[in-house]
Amino acid sequence: MQLNWLITKIDSDTATGATIVAFEDNNLVGTLTMSLAEPAGFVRSLFVAEAARGKGVGRRLLSRALQICHAGGRTGLALSVKDTNTVAQQLYTSFDFVPYARGNEGYTNYIHLFR
């Protein structure tokens, strides 16, 4: 799968966030939006189009988000995932994200710390 990337800043004046957008053949196949306001980045949303699921788009979006956080001097990247979303949990743990707190309404917070 050949992906083209577009990375945009949510707030160009303060660099408080970024959105990574993945296209395949001019079709939007995935997005990841993250906050960069804290010492660790935080994934606000990760979306992969149904037709592109299982093809590594989410993995590549998350990998790019980690690169942006690391290059920007962040301590890591955190996110929250619904407890019933086992596919997402498997993706995150494959990147060495570890659970660190129970969130609200059936969500668990995960973090990946840079060494």
C-alpha atoms as a PDB file:
ATOM      1  CA  MET A   1       0.000   0.000   0.000  1.00  0.00           C
ATOM      2  CA  GLN A   2       1.555   3.284  -1.151  1.00  0.00           C
ATOM      3  CA  LEU A   3       0.517   6.139   1.152  1.00  0.00           C
ATOM      4  CA  ASN A   4       0.952   9.854   0.704  1.00  0.00           C
ATOM      5  CA  TRP A   5       1.122  11.946   3.862  1.00  0.00           C
ATOM      6  CA  LEU A   6       0.005  15.419   4.762  1.00  0.00           C
ATOM      7  CA  ILE A   7       0.960  16.729   8.187  1.00  0.00           C
ATOM      8  CA  THR A   8      -0.673  19.925   9.315  1.00  0.00           C
ATOM      9  CA  LYS A   9      -0.400  21.937  12.475  1.00  0.00           C
ATOM     10  CA  ILE A  10      -3.653  22.497  14.318  1.00  0.00           C
ATOM     11  CA  ASP A  11      -2.366  25.801  15.644  1.00  0.00           C
ATOM     12  CA  SER A  12       0.408  27.177  13.492  1.00  0.00           C
ATOM     13  CA  ASP A  13       1.326  29.892  16.006  1.00  0.00           C
ATOM     14  CA  THR A  14       1.948  27.752  19.068  1.00  0.00           C
ATOM     15  CA  ALA A  15       2.488  24.212  17.728  1.00  0.00           C
ATOM     16  CA  THR A  16      -0.003  22.807  20.240  1.00  0.00           C
ATOM     17  CA  GLY A  17      -1.064  19.979  18.005  1.00  0.00           C
ATOM     18  CA  ALA A  18      -0.775  18.194  14.695  1.00  0.00           C
ATOM     19  CA  THR A  19      -2.960  16.195  12.370  1.00  0.00           C
ATOM     20  CA  ILE A  20      -1.470  13.467  10.205  1.00  0.00           C
ATOM     21  CA  VAL A  21      -3.543  12.605   7.150  1.00  0.00           C
ATOM     22  CA  ALA A  22      -2.903   9.545   4.981  1.00  0.00           C
ATOM     23  CA  PHE A  23      -4.071   9.284   1.384  1.00  0.00           C
ATOM     24  CA  GLU A  24      -3.918   6.376  -1.045  1.00  0.00           C
ATOM     25  CA  ASP A  25      -4.578   7.266  -4.692  1.00  0.00           C
ATOM     26  CA  ASN A  26      -6.065  10.608  -3.596  1.00  0.00           C
ATOM     27  CA  ASN A  27      -8.501   8.858  -1.241  1.00  0.00           C
ATOM     28  CA  LEU A  28      -8.424   9.665   2.457  1.00  0.00           C
ATOM     29  CA  VAL A  29      -7.607   6.409   4.281  1.00  0.00           C
ATOM     30  CA  GLY A  30      -6.664   7.609   7.767  1.00  0.00           C
ATOM     31  CA  THR A  31      -6.107  10.445  10.190  1.00  0.00           C
ATOM     32  CA  LEU A  32      -4.453  10.911  13.551  1.00  0.00           C
ATOM     33  CA  THR A  33      -4.905  14.091  15.570  1.00  0.00           C
ATOM     34  CA  MET A  34      -2.761  14.766  18.605  1.00  0.00           C
ATOM     35  CA  SER A  35      -2.158  17.440  21.193  1.00  0.00           C
ATOM     36  CA  LEU A  36       1.401  18.573  21.756  1.00  0.00           C
ATOM     37  CA  ALA A  37       0.749  21.030  24.589  1.00  0.00           C
ATOM     38  CA  GLU A  38       1.999  18.813  27.442  1.00  0.00           C
ATOM     39  CA  PRO A  39       5.379  17.169  28.050  1.00  0.00           C
ATOM     40  CA  ALA A  40       3.918  14.007  26.500  1.00  0.00           C
ATOM     41  CA  GLY A  41       1.811  14.198  23.356  1.00  0.00           C
ATOM     42  CA  PHE A  42      -1.759  12.895  23.502  1.00  0.00           C
ATOM     43  CA  VAL A  43      -3.630  11.159  20.674  1.00  0.00           C
ATOM     44  CA  ARG A  44      -7.046  12.797  20.447  1.00  0.00           C
ATOM     45  CA  SER A  45      -8.294  10.598  17.604  1.00  0.00           C
ATOM     46  CA  LEU A  46      -7.118   7.860  15.280  1.00  0.00           C
ATOM     47  CA  PHE A  47      -9.286   6.895  12.320  1.00  0.00           C
ATOM     48  CA  VAL A  48      -8.726   4.389   9.529  1.00  0.00           C
ATOM     49  CA  ALA A  49     -11.262   4.062   6.708  1.00  0.00           C
ATOM     50  CA  GLU A  50     -13.030   0.713   6.732  1.00  0.00           C
ATOM     51  CA  ALA A  51     -11.651  -0.269   3.305  1.00  0.00           C
ATOM     52  CA  ALA A  52      -8.082   0.381   4.520  1.00  0.00           C
ATOM     53  CA  ARG A  53      -8.289  -1.507   7.818  1.00  0.00           C
ATOM     54  CA  GLY A  54      -5.867  -4.371   8.303  1.00  0.00           C
ATOM     55  CA  LYS A  55      -3.404  -2.880   5.802  1.00  0.00           C
ATOM     56  CA  GLY A  56      -1.059  -1.145   8.251  1.00  0.00           C
ATOM     57  CA  VAL A  57      -2.460   2.384   7.967  1.00  0.00           C
ATOM     58  CA  GLY A  58      -3.070   2.739  11.713  1.00  0.00           C
ATOM     59  CA  ARG A  59       0.396   1.354  12.443  1.00  0.00           C
ATOM     60  CA  ARG A  60       1.987   3.862  10.089  1.00  0.00           C
ATOM     61  CA  LEU A  61      -0.025   6.786  11.466  1.00  0.00           C
ATOM     62  CA  LEU A  62       0.955   5.876  15.019  1.00  0.00           C
ATOM     63  CA  SER A  63       4.592   5.424  14.032  1.00  0.00           C
ATOM     64  CA  ARG A  64       4.617   8.885  12.454  1.00  0.00           C
ATOM     65  CA  ALA A  65       2.991  10.399  15.555  1.00  0.00           C
ATOM     66  CA  LEU A  66       5.700   8.869  17.746  1.00  0.00           C
ATOM     67  CA  GLN A  67       8.386  10.294  15.442  1.00  0.00           C
ATOM     68  CA  ILE A  68       6.859  13.786  15.657  1.00  0.00           C
ATOM     69  CA  CYS A  69       6.642  13.626  19.463  1.00  0.00           C
ATOM     70  CA  HIS A  70      10.175  12.327  19.852  1.00  0.00           C
ATOM     71  CA  ALA A  71      11.644  14.881  17.442  1.00  0.00           C
ATOM     72  CA  GLY A  72       9.763  17.627  19.284  1.00  0.00           C
ATOM     73  CA  GLY A  73      11.334  16.712  22.614  1.00  0.00           C
ATOM     74  CA  ARG A  74       8.196  15.193  24.163  1.00  0.00           C
ATOM     75  CA  THR A  75       8.613  12.626  26.961  1.00  0.00           C
ATOM     76  CA  GLY A  76       6.266  10.193  25.247  1.00  0.00           C
ATOM     77  CA  LEU A  77       2.831   9.768  23.722  1.00  0.00           C
ATOM     78  CA  ALA A  78      -0.372   8.938  25.608  1.00  0.00           C
ATOM     79  CA  LEU A  79      -3.832   7.885  24.488  1.00  0.00           C
ATOM     80  CA  SER A  80      -7.094   6.486  25.743  1.00  0.00           C
ATOM     81  CA  VAL A  81      -8.805   3.408  24.309  1.00  0.00           C
ATOM     82  CA  LYS A  82     -12.162   1.818  24.943  1.00  0.00           C
ATOM     83  CA  ASP A  83     -11.779  -1.419  26.909  1.00  0.00           C
ATOM     84  CA  THR A  84     -13.767  -3.367  24.295  1.00  0.00           C
ATOM     85  CA  ASN A  85     -11.521  -2.233  21.406  1.00  0.00           C
ATOM     86  CA  THR A  86      -9.117  -5.161  21.489  1.00  0.00           C
ATOM     87  CA  VAL A  87      -7.781  -4.520  17.968  1.00  0.00           C
ATOM     88  CA  ALA A  88      -6.599  -1.035  18.979  1.00  0.00           C
ATOM     89  CA  GLN A  89      -5.193  -2.356  22.267  1.00  0.00           C
ATOM     90  CA  GLN A  90      -3.117  -4.905  20.340  1.00  0.00           C
ATOM     91  CA  LEU A  91      -1.793  -2.167  18.061  1.00  0.00           C
ATOM     92  CA  TYR A  92      -0.818   0.057  20.974  1.00  0.00           C
ATOM     93  CA  THR A  93       0.837  -2.684  23.019  1.00  0.00           C
ATOM     94  CA  SER A  94       2.839  -3.727  19.925  1.00  0.00           C
ATOM     95  CA  PHE A  95       4.356  -0.213  20.136  1.00  0.00           C
ATOM     96  CA  ASP A  96       5.176  -0.718  23.845  1.00  0.00           C
ATOM     97  CA  PHE A  97       2.296   1.408  25.123  1.00  0.00           C
ATOM     98  CA  VAL A  98       1.417   0.350  28.662  1.00  0.00           C
ATOM     99  CA  PRO A  99      -1.784   0.986  30.614  1.00  0.00           C
ATOM    100  CA  TYR A 100      -1.333   3.499  33.411  1.00  0.00           C
ATOM    101  CA  ALA A 101      -4.822   4.501  34.560  1.00  0.00           C
ATOM    102  CA  ARG A 102      -8.488   3.664  34.244  1.00  0.00           C
ATOM    103  CA  GLY A 103     -10.381   6.373  32.447  1.00  0.00           C
ATOM    104  CA  ASN A 104     -14.057   7.194  32.448  1.00  0.00           C
ATOM    105  CA  GLU A 105     -16.852   5.083  30.982  1.00  0.00           C
ATOM    106  CA  GLY A 106     -14.892   1.950  30.102  1.00  0.00           C
ATOM    107  CA  TYR A 107     -11.676   3.516  28.807  1.00  0.00           C
ATOM    108  CA  THR A 108      -8.074   2.798  29.803  1.00  0.00           C
ATOM    109  CA  ASN A 109      -5.238   5.309  29.415  1.00  0.00           C
ATOM    110  CA  TYR A 110      -2.012   4.073  27.822  1.00  0.00           C
ATOM    111  CA  ILE A 111       1.406   5.705  27.460  1.00  0.00           C
ATOM    112  CA  HIS A 112       4.565   5.114  25.474  1.00  0.00           C
ATOM    113  CA  LEU A 113       7.601   6.733  27.121  1.00  0.00           C
ATOM    114  CA  PHE A 114      10.750   7.531  25.173  1.00  0.00           C
ATOM    115  CA  ARG A 115      13.969   6.153  26.608  1.00  0.00           C
END
